[in-house]
Protein backbone atom coordinates (compact mmCIF):
# COMPACT_ATOMS: atom_id res chain seq x y z
CA MET A 1 0.05 0.04 0.01
CA ILE A 2 1.47 3.37 -0.86
CA ARG A 3 1.65 5.89 1.95
CA VAL A 4 2.45 9.44 1.79
CA GLU A 5 1.93 11.77 4.83
CA LEU A 6 -0.49 14.70 4.26
CA ASP A 7 -0.31 18.02 6.18
CA GLN A 8 -3.79 17.42 7.28
CA THR A 9 -6.50 14.74 6.90
CA ALA A 10 -8.33 15.23 3.87
CA ILE A 11 -12.18 14.85 4.03
CA ILE A 12 -13.47 12.61 1.21
CA VAL A 13 -17.32 11.98 0.46
CA ASN A 14 -17.85 8.50 -1.08
CA VAL A 15 -21.06 8.35 -3.27
CA ASP A 16 -22.31 4.84 -4.56
CA ASP A 17 -25.52 3.10 -4.49
CA ASN A 18 -23.66 -0.31 -4.51
CA GLU A 19 -23.39 -0.80 -0.89
CA PRO A 20 -20.61 -3.49 -0.74
CA ALA A 21 -18.65 -1.43 -3.24
CA ARG A 22 -18.96 1.62 -1.37
CA TYR A 23 -18.12 0.06 1.86
CA ALA A 24 -14.92 -1.65 0.34
CA ARG A 25 -13.87 1.77 -0.98
CA SER A 26 -14.39 3.75 2.29
CA ARG A 27 -12.45 0.89 4.34
CA ILE A 28 -9.40 1.55 1.76
CA LEU A 29 -9.60 5.27 2.25
CA LYS A 30 -9.79 5.20 6.03
CA THR A 31 -6.89 2.85 6.12
CA ALA A 32 -4.82 5.28 4.24
CA GLY A 33 -5.70 8.03 6.69
CA PHE A 34 -8.74 9.74 5.26
CA GLU A 35 -11.94 10.91 6.89
CA VAL A 36 -14.47 9.34 4.73
CA HIS A 37 -18.26 9.95 4.47
CA GLU A 38 -20.94 8.02 2.64
CA ALA A 39 -23.95 8.85 0.45
CA PRO A 40 -25.91 6.13 -1.39
CA THR A 41 -27.72 8.69 -3.84
CA GLY A 42 -27.02 11.90 -5.63
CA ARG A 43 -29.48 14.16 -3.83
CA GLU A 44 -28.16 12.91 -0.53
CA ALA A 45 -24.51 13.29 -1.77
CA LEU A 46 -25.38 17.01 -2.35
CA LYS A 47 -26.67 17.65 1.27
CA VAL A 48 -23.49 16.04 2.43
CA ILE A 49 -21.38 17.84 0.49
CA ALA A 50 -22.82 21.15 1.24
CA SER A 51 -22.69 20.21 4.96
CA LEU A 52 -19.13 19.26 5.26
CA ARG A 53 -17.32 20.89 2.38
CA PRO A 54 -15.17 18.08 1.71
CA ASP A 55 -11.76 17.98 -0.31
CA VAL A 56 -12.70 15.04 -2.61
CA VAL A 57 -15.88 13.44 -3.82
CA LEU A 58 -15.67 9.86 -5.19
CA LEU A 59 -18.89 9.81 -7.52
CA ASP A 60 -20.55 6.99 -9.34
CA VAL A 61 -21.80 7.76 -12.68
CA HIS A 62 -24.89 5.69 -12.23
CA LEU A 63 -27.05 6.83 -9.09
CA PRO A 64 -30.64 5.67 -8.71
CA ASP A 65 -32.06 9.15 -8.47
CA ALA A 66 -29.70 11.28 -10.56
CA ASN A 67 -27.11 11.17 -13.17
CA GLY A 68 -23.78 11.23 -11.72
CA ILE A 69 -22.41 13.47 -14.53
CA GLU A 70 -25.12 15.96 -13.87
CA ILE A 71 -24.35 15.87 -10.25
CA CYS A 72 -20.80 16.68 -11.29
CA ARG A 73 -21.99 19.43 -13.41
CA GLU A 74 -24.06 21.12 -10.64
CA LEU A 75 -21.25 20.64 -7.94
CA LYS A 76 -18.72 22.42 -10.44
CA ALA A 77 -21.08 25.35 -11.20
CA ASN A 78 -21.23 26.42 -7.64
CA PRO A 79 -18.47 28.86 -6.97
CA GLU A 80 -18.29 27.64 -3.29
CA ASN A 81 -16.94 24.40 -4.53
CA ALA A 82 -14.12 25.81 -6.77
CA SER A 83 -11.53 23.80 -4.76
CA LEU A 84 -13.55 20.57 -4.69
CA LEU A 85 -11.87 17.58 -6.41
CA ILE A 86 -14.35 15.21 -8.16
CA ILE A 87 -13.40 11.63 -9.14
CA GLN A 88 -16.01 9.84 -11.18
CA MET A 89 -16.19 6.30 -11.50
CA SER A 90 -18.07 3.61 -13.59
CA ALA A 91 -18.25 -0.17 -14.21
CA SER A 92 -19.83 0.31 -17.42
CA ALA A 93 -18.70 -1.21 -20.70
CA LEU A 94 -19.14 2.23 -22.50
CA THR A 95 -16.08 3.57 -20.72
CA ALA A 96 -14.70 5.89 -23.45
CA PRO A 97 -18.17 7.92 -23.83
CA HIS A 98 -18.63 8.02 -19.85
CA ALA A 99 -15.03 9.41 -19.50
CA THR A 100 -15.52 11.85 -21.86
CA ALA A 101 -18.79 13.08 -20.55
CA SER A 102 -17.58 13.12 -17.06
CA LEU A 103 -14.26 15.05 -17.69
CA ASN A 104 -16.48 17.63 -19.81
CA SER A 105 -18.83 18.17 -16.85
CA GLY A 106 -15.74 19.28 -14.86
CA ALA A 107 -14.73 16.01 -13.19
CA ASP A 108 -10.97 16.36 -12.21
CA MET A 109 -10.54 12.38 -13.02
CA TYR A 110 -12.30 9.27 -14.34
CA LEU A 111 -11.62 5.70 -12.93
CA MET A 112 -13.12 2.63 -14.08
CA GLU A 113 -14.36 0.02 -11.44
CA PRO A 114 -12.86 -2.17 -10.23
CA ILE A 115 -10.35 0.28 -9.12
CA ASP A 116 -7.19 -1.14 -7.70
CA PRO A 117 -6.58 0.24 -3.99
CA ASP A 118 -3.01 1.31 -4.71
CA VAL A 119 -4.33 3.40 -7.79
CA LEU A 120 -7.29 4.86 -5.88
CA ILE A 121 -5.02 6.08 -3.15
CA ALA A 122 -2.45 7.31 -5.26
CA THR A 123 -4.72 8.98 -7.50
CA VAL A 124 -6.44 10.94 -4.43
CA ARG A 125 -3.13 11.83 -3.00
CA ALA A 126 -1.79 13.15 -6.55
CA LEU A 127 -4.95 15.33 -6.80
CA LEU A 128 -4.69 16.75 -3.53
CA ARG A 129 -1.05 17.49 -3.95
CA VAL A 130 -1.89 19.35 -7.23
CA ARG A 131 -4.65 21.21 -5.67
CA LYS A 132 -2.42 22.28 -2.62
CA ALA A 133 0.39 23.69 -5.12
CA GLU A 134 -2.49 25.30 -6.97
CA ARG A 135 -3.55 26.78 -3.76
CA GLU A 136 -0.07 27.81 -2.74
CA LEU A 137 0.44 29.17 -6.04
CA ALA A 138 -2.50 31.38 -6.27
CA LYS A 139 -1.55 32.73 -2.84
CA ALA A 140 2.10 33.55 -4.11
CA ASN A 141 0.79 35.30 -7.08
CA LEU A 142 -1.77 37.20 -4.84
CA ALA A 143 1.41 38.19 -2.55
CA LEU A 144 3.40 39.08 -5.69
CA GLN A 145 0.81 41.28 -7.03
CA ASN A 146 0.26 43.08 -3.77
CA VAL A 147 4.03 43.58 -3.81
CA ASN A 148 3.83 44.83 -7.28
CA ASN A 149 0.79 47.21 -6.44
CA ARG A 150 2.80 48.32 -3.57
CA LEU A 151 6.24 48.95 -5.56
CA GLU A 152 4.09 50.70 -8.29
CA THR A 153 2.54 52.98 -5.53
CA LEU A 154 5.94 53.87 -4.26
CA ASN A 155 7.69 54.36 -7.73
CA GLU A 156 4.88 56.80 -8.48
CA GLU A 157 5.13 58.61 -5.10
CA LEU A 158 8.98 58.58 -5.94
CA ARG A 159 8.48 60.11 -9.39
CA ARG A 160 6.11 62.71 -7.93
CA SER A 161 8.32 63.50 -5.18
CA ASN A 162 11.49 63.85 -7.63
CA SER A 163 9.44 66.01 -10.00
CA ASP A 164 8.23 68.32 -7.13
CA LEU A 165 12.10 68.70 -5.89
CA GLN A 166 13.10 69.20 -9.55
CA GLN A 167 10.38 71.94 -10.02
CA PHE A 168 11.28 73.48 -6.50
CA ALA A 169 14.86 73.52 -7.22
CA PHE A 170 14.14 75.27 -10.72
CA VAL A 171 11.98 78.00 -9.19
CA ALA A 172 14.04 78.47 -6.12
CA SER A 173 17.34 78.88 -8.15
CA HIS A 174 15.41 81.10 -10.70
CA ASP A 175 13.99 83.25 -8.01
CA LEU A 176 17.29 83.47 -6.06
CA GLN A 177 18.95 84.82 -9.15
CA GLU A 178 17.10 88.06 -9.08
CA PRO A 179 17.82 89.27 -5.50
CA LEU A 180 21.47 88.07 -5.90
CA ARG A 181 22.01 90.42 -9.17
CA THR A 182 20.47 93.18 -7.22
CA VAL A 183 22.74 93.01 -4.22
CA THR A 184 25.75 92.45 -6.49
CA THR A 185 24.70 95.44 -8.54
CA PHE A 186 24.26 97.78 -5.70
CA VAL A 187 27.23 96.76 -3.95
CA GLN A 188 29.30 97.68 -7.08
CA LEU A 189 27.53 100.99 -7.39
CA ILE A 190 28.28 101.74 -3.99
CA GLU A 191 31.89 100.66 -4.69
CA ASP A 192 32.59 102.99 -7.69
CA SER A 193 30.64 105.90 -6.36
CA ILE A 194 32.67 106.15 -3.10
CA ALA A 195 35.78 103.91 -3.43
CA GLY A 196 38.22 106.48 -2.84
CA ARG A 197 36.93 107.23 0.54
CA PHE A 198 36.91 103.62 1.76
CA SER A 199 39.62 102.57 4.19
CA ALA A 200 41.74 99.29 3.60
CA ASP A 201 39.05 97.40 6.00
CA GLU A 202 36.18 98.57 4.18
CA THR A 203 37.80 97.91 0.66
CA MET A 204 38.29 94.45 2.21
CA TYR A 205 34.62 94.21 3.50
CA PHE A 206 33.27 94.96 0.09
CA LYS A 207 35.74 92.46 -1.59
CA HIS A 208 34.25 89.71 0.71
CA VAL A 209 30.80 90.62 0.00
CA LEU A 210 31.32 90.30 -3.79
CA GLU A 211 33.19 87.03 -3.36
CA ALA A 212 30.43 85.78 -1.46
CA ALA A 213 27.92 86.77 -4.02
CA ASP A 214 30.08 85.36 -6.96
CA ARG A 215 30.08 82.03 -4.84
CA MET A 216 26.30 82.03 -4.37
CA ARG A 217 25.91 82.76 -8.09
CA HIS A 218 27.87 79.61 -8.80
CA LEU A 219 26.07 77.62 -6.21
CA ILE A 220 22.43 78.39 -7.52
CA ASN A 221 23.71 77.47 -11.00
CA ASP A 222 25.09 74.23 -10.08
CA VAL A 223 22.18 73.39 -8.06
CA LEU A 224 19.90 74.09 -10.95
CA ALA A 225 22.29 71.78 -13.31
CA TYR A 226 22.14 69.25 -10.72
CA SER A 227 18.28 69.28 -10.43
CA GLN A 228 17.51 69.35 -14.31
CA ALA A 229 20.14 66.75 -15.37
CA GLY A 230 18.03 64.47 -17.52
CA ARG A 231 14.97 66.34 -17.15
CA ASP A 232 14.78 68.05 -20.34
CA PRO A 233 12.83 66.06 -23.12
CA ARG A 234 15.39 66.90 -25.64
CA ASP A 235 17.86 64.97 -23.50
CA GLU A 236 17.34 61.85 -25.92
CA LEU A 237 19.98 59.12 -26.00
CA GLY A 238 21.57 57.99 -29.39
CA ASN A 239 24.59 56.83 -30.93
CA LEU A 240 27.40 59.37 -30.88
CA GLU A 241 31.22 59.74 -31.24
CA LEU A 242 32.43 60.05 -27.78
CA GLU A 243 35.53 62.04 -28.66
CA THR A 244 33.15 64.62 -30.03
CA ALA A 245 31.66 65.19 -26.84
CA VAL A 246 35.19 65.24 -25.01
CA ASN A 247 36.50 67.59 -27.42
CA TYR A 248 33.76 70.13 -26.82
CA ALA A 249 34.32 69.94 -23.22
CA ILE A 250 38.06 70.71 -23.72
CA GLN A 251 36.95 73.72 -26.03
CA ASN A 252 34.64 75.05 -23.32
CA LEU A 253 37.83 74.78 -20.90
CA GLY A 254 40.40 76.27 -23.32
CA GLU A 255 40.86 79.29 -21.55
CA ARG A 256 41.48 77.65 -18.03
CA ILE A 257 43.75 75.05 -19.81
CA ARG A 258 45.82 77.58 -21.46
CA GLU A 259 46.32 79.46 -18.21
CA THR A 260 47.29 76.44 -16.36
CA ASP A 261 49.42 75.24 -19.13
CA ALA A 262 47.71 71.63 -18.75
CA GLN A 263 48.34 68.95 -21.23
CA ILE A 264 45.10 66.91 -22.24
CA THR A 265 45.46 63.69 -23.89
CA VAL A 266 42.55 62.11 -25.84
CA ASN A 267 43.25 58.85 -26.97
CA PRO A 268 40.94 56.95 -29.45
CA LEU A 269 37.57 56.90 -27.92
CA PRO A 270 34.51 54.44 -28.99
CA MET A 271 30.91 55.17 -30.49
CA VAL A 272 28.67 55.09 -27.43
CA HIS A 273 24.90 55.26 -26.88
CA GLY A 274 24.29 58.56 -24.81
CA ASN A 275 23.27 61.96 -25.02
CA PHE A 276 25.87 64.44 -26.31
CA THR A 277 25.05 67.37 -24.04
CA GLN A 278 25.15 65.40 -20.71
CA LEU A 279 28.53 63.63 -21.78
CA ALA A 280 30.06 66.71 -22.66
CA ASN A 281 28.95 68.26 -19.31
CA LEU A 282 30.50 65.01 -17.69
CA PHE A 283 33.80 65.15 -19.24
CA GLN A 284 34.02 69.21 -18.67
CA ASN A 285 33.40 68.39 -14.85
CA LEU A 286 35.98 65.69 -14.57
CA ILE A 287 38.50 67.59 -16.69
CA SER A 288 37.87 70.86 -14.65
CA ASN A 289 38.25 68.49 -11.39
CA SER A 290 41.73 67.84 -12.63
CA LEU A 291 42.47 71.35 -13.35
CA LYS A 292 41.44 72.56 -9.71
CA TYR A 293 43.28 69.93 -7.87
CA ARG A 294 46.67 70.02 -9.86
CA ARG A 295 49.91 70.17 -8.03
CA ALA A 296 51.93 73.19 -8.03
CA ASP A 297 55.36 71.63 -8.65
CA ILE A 298 54.69 69.87 -11.89
CA ARG A 299 52.67 70.24 -15.22
CA LEU A 300 49.19 68.83 -15.12
CA CYS A 301 48.80 65.99 -17.70
CA VAL A 302 45.26 64.51 -18.05
CA GLU A 303 44.81 61.28 -20.27
CA ILE A 304 41.44 60.15 -21.45
CA SER A 305 41.20 56.63 -22.78
CA ALA A 306 38.68 53.71 -23.38
CA GLU A 307 38.83 50.05 -23.41
CA GLN A 308 35.85 47.48 -24.08
CA SER A 309 34.92 45.72 -20.87
CA SER A 310 32.02 43.81 -22.68
CA PRO A 311 30.30 43.66 -25.98
CA THR A 312 27.70 46.05 -24.60
CA GLU A 313 29.63 48.40 -22.44
CA TRP A 314 32.86 50.47 -22.60
CA THR A 315 34.91 51.62 -19.54
CA ILE A 316 36.36 55.15 -19.92
CA GLN A 317 39.46 56.40 -17.89
CA VAL A 318 40.20 60.06 -16.65
CA ARG A 319 43.52 59.85 -15.30
CA ASP A 320 45.44 62.83 -13.97
CA ASN A 321 48.65 63.42 -11.91
CA GLY A 322 47.24 66.09 -9.59
CA ILE A 323 47.07 65.98 -5.80
CA GLY A 324 45.31 62.83 -5.44
CA ILE A 325 42.53 61.74 -2.96
CA LEU A 326 42.88 59.60 -0.02
CA PRO A 327 41.19 56.27 -0.25
CA GLN A 328 38.85 56.72 2.64
CA TYR A 329 37.32 59.87 0.50
CA HIS A 330 36.83 57.79 -2.48
CA GLU A 331 32.99 57.57 -2.19
CA GLN A 332 32.33 60.81 -0.30
CA VAL A 333 33.72 62.97 -3.33
CA PHE A 334 30.45 62.05 -5.25
CA ILE A 335 28.14 63.35 -2.43
CA PRO A 336 26.65 66.76 -3.35
CA PHE A 337 28.28 69.69 -1.65
CA LYS A 338 30.85 67.47 0.08
CA ARG A 339 34.30 69.50 -0.40
CA LEU A 340 37.32 67.83 1.12
CA HIS A 341 39.44 71.08 0.91
CA GLY A 342 37.01 73.55 2.60
CA ARG A 343 37.44 77.25 0.94
CA ASP A 344 41.19 76.59 0.03
CA ILE A 345 40.15 75.50 -3.22
CA PRO A 346 37.10 77.27 -5.15
CA GLY A 347 34.02 75.29 -5.82
CA THR A 348 30.49 74.12 -4.80
CA GLY A 349 30.90 70.44 -4.42
CA ILE A 350 28.46 69.60 -7.05
CA GLY A 351 30.68 68.60 -10.12
CA LEU A 352 31.35 65.02 -9.11
CA ALA A 353 27.85 64.28 -7.76
CA LEU A 354 26.63 65.59 -11.20
CA CYS A 355 29.16 63.32 -12.96
CA LYS A 356 27.63 60.38 -10.90
CA ARG A 357 24.07 61.41 -11.69
CA ILE A 358 24.65 61.67 -15.64
CA VAL A 359 26.74 58.29 -15.66
CA GLU A 360 23.82 56.47 -13.80
CA MET A 361 21.27 58.00 -16.31
CA HIS A 362 23.22 56.31 -18.74
CA ASN A 363 22.87 53.00 -16.81
CA GLY A 364 26.61 53.10 -15.87
CA ARG A 365 28.72 53.45 -12.93
CA ILE A 366 31.59 55.74 -12.02
CA TRP A 367 34.38 55.10 -9.34
CA LEU A 368 37.68 56.43 -8.17
CA SER A 369 41.19 54.87 -7.46
CA SER A 370 43.69 57.48 -5.97
CA GLU A 371 46.37 58.12 -3.53
CA ALA A 372 47.53 61.20 -1.99
CA GLU A 373 50.14 63.02 -4.17
CA GLN A 374 49.64 60.14 -6.83
CA GLY A 375 46.90 61.68 -9.04
CA ALA A 376 43.43 60.61 -9.44
CA ASN A 377 41.82 57.97 -11.82
CA PHE A 378 38.27 58.12 -12.62
CA ARG A 379 36.63 55.04 -14.38
CA LEU A 380 33.04 55.07 -15.73
CA THR A 381 30.91 52.86 -17.82
CA LEU A 382 28.91 53.64 -20.69
CA PRO A 383 27.00 51.57 -23.01
CA ALA A 384 28.39 50.64 -26.50
CA ALA A 385 26.50 51.91 -29.71
């Protein structure tokens, strides 16, 4: 006899007008550990099933008061019996037509009598396992759907929050520009009109005010650039020559490069999939960072190169021989407004944060390897064209 442990005792209703056959079948099922109830007719079976809500019904096709196939169809039509398993049985010689009719009526299995005890028990247990798996799968799908719905809600809230923050940054930056221009203009007018009467201290005070206003202007512009990165609907991605974007960035920094006598070397660069404006801004910030943190005792050299890290990705390297960055600060440099040198070196702390944001918008990543006085080596990945 096949024996498989069940999580709980299944309830079976055994429906057959043949009392000896019904008794023998019930004894086999009880011995296998099932809770078995009997019904000799179709109508009595309906009452027992409505009362007990069983797991399985063994239903003889030929009953004295009703057709077993019609009983099966009636049971399956009731939504409350959605999980009910029905095994129809028949000893008729017309097995094939009965089997087809039974299965068409919604029966889960058709067995021909006499039924081998092992086959009967194995069939019942197999159907119970399938039904249990279906229930667990339905629960898992429901849980997954709930998670997906929750994620979609959170994503929508995040999109709305990001949109609100971007709009706030744009409006705040725009509105702050006007009073800042007013302060700067009137301070300069005052300085021009009474500059000859200033003491040395007063001249220094005015200089500090103008410098602070200039820092504020740069900070507002950088905050605006950071908040708007990738927001412009014109920022579409396409295939482009990366070298073109890098050369554009170098041209924008031409005056500073000449002032510092820096050497910028651009090795052959690939075609990538990206946005020209954003990538030009990316390399302009990286090269500007090298110019800002150059060493005083040697000429600054910046080298830009590329290697294909996979069939779909390029790794770009921007290496310099500047003052370098200690390893414990390699992650912090990409945090907005994080400035490692205080006010010793001008800047707002947005440049590298903007670089990270642009790279991530291109589904890439950016990281740094560097040691103090050993230069900085920024690496980033971009999708291949």
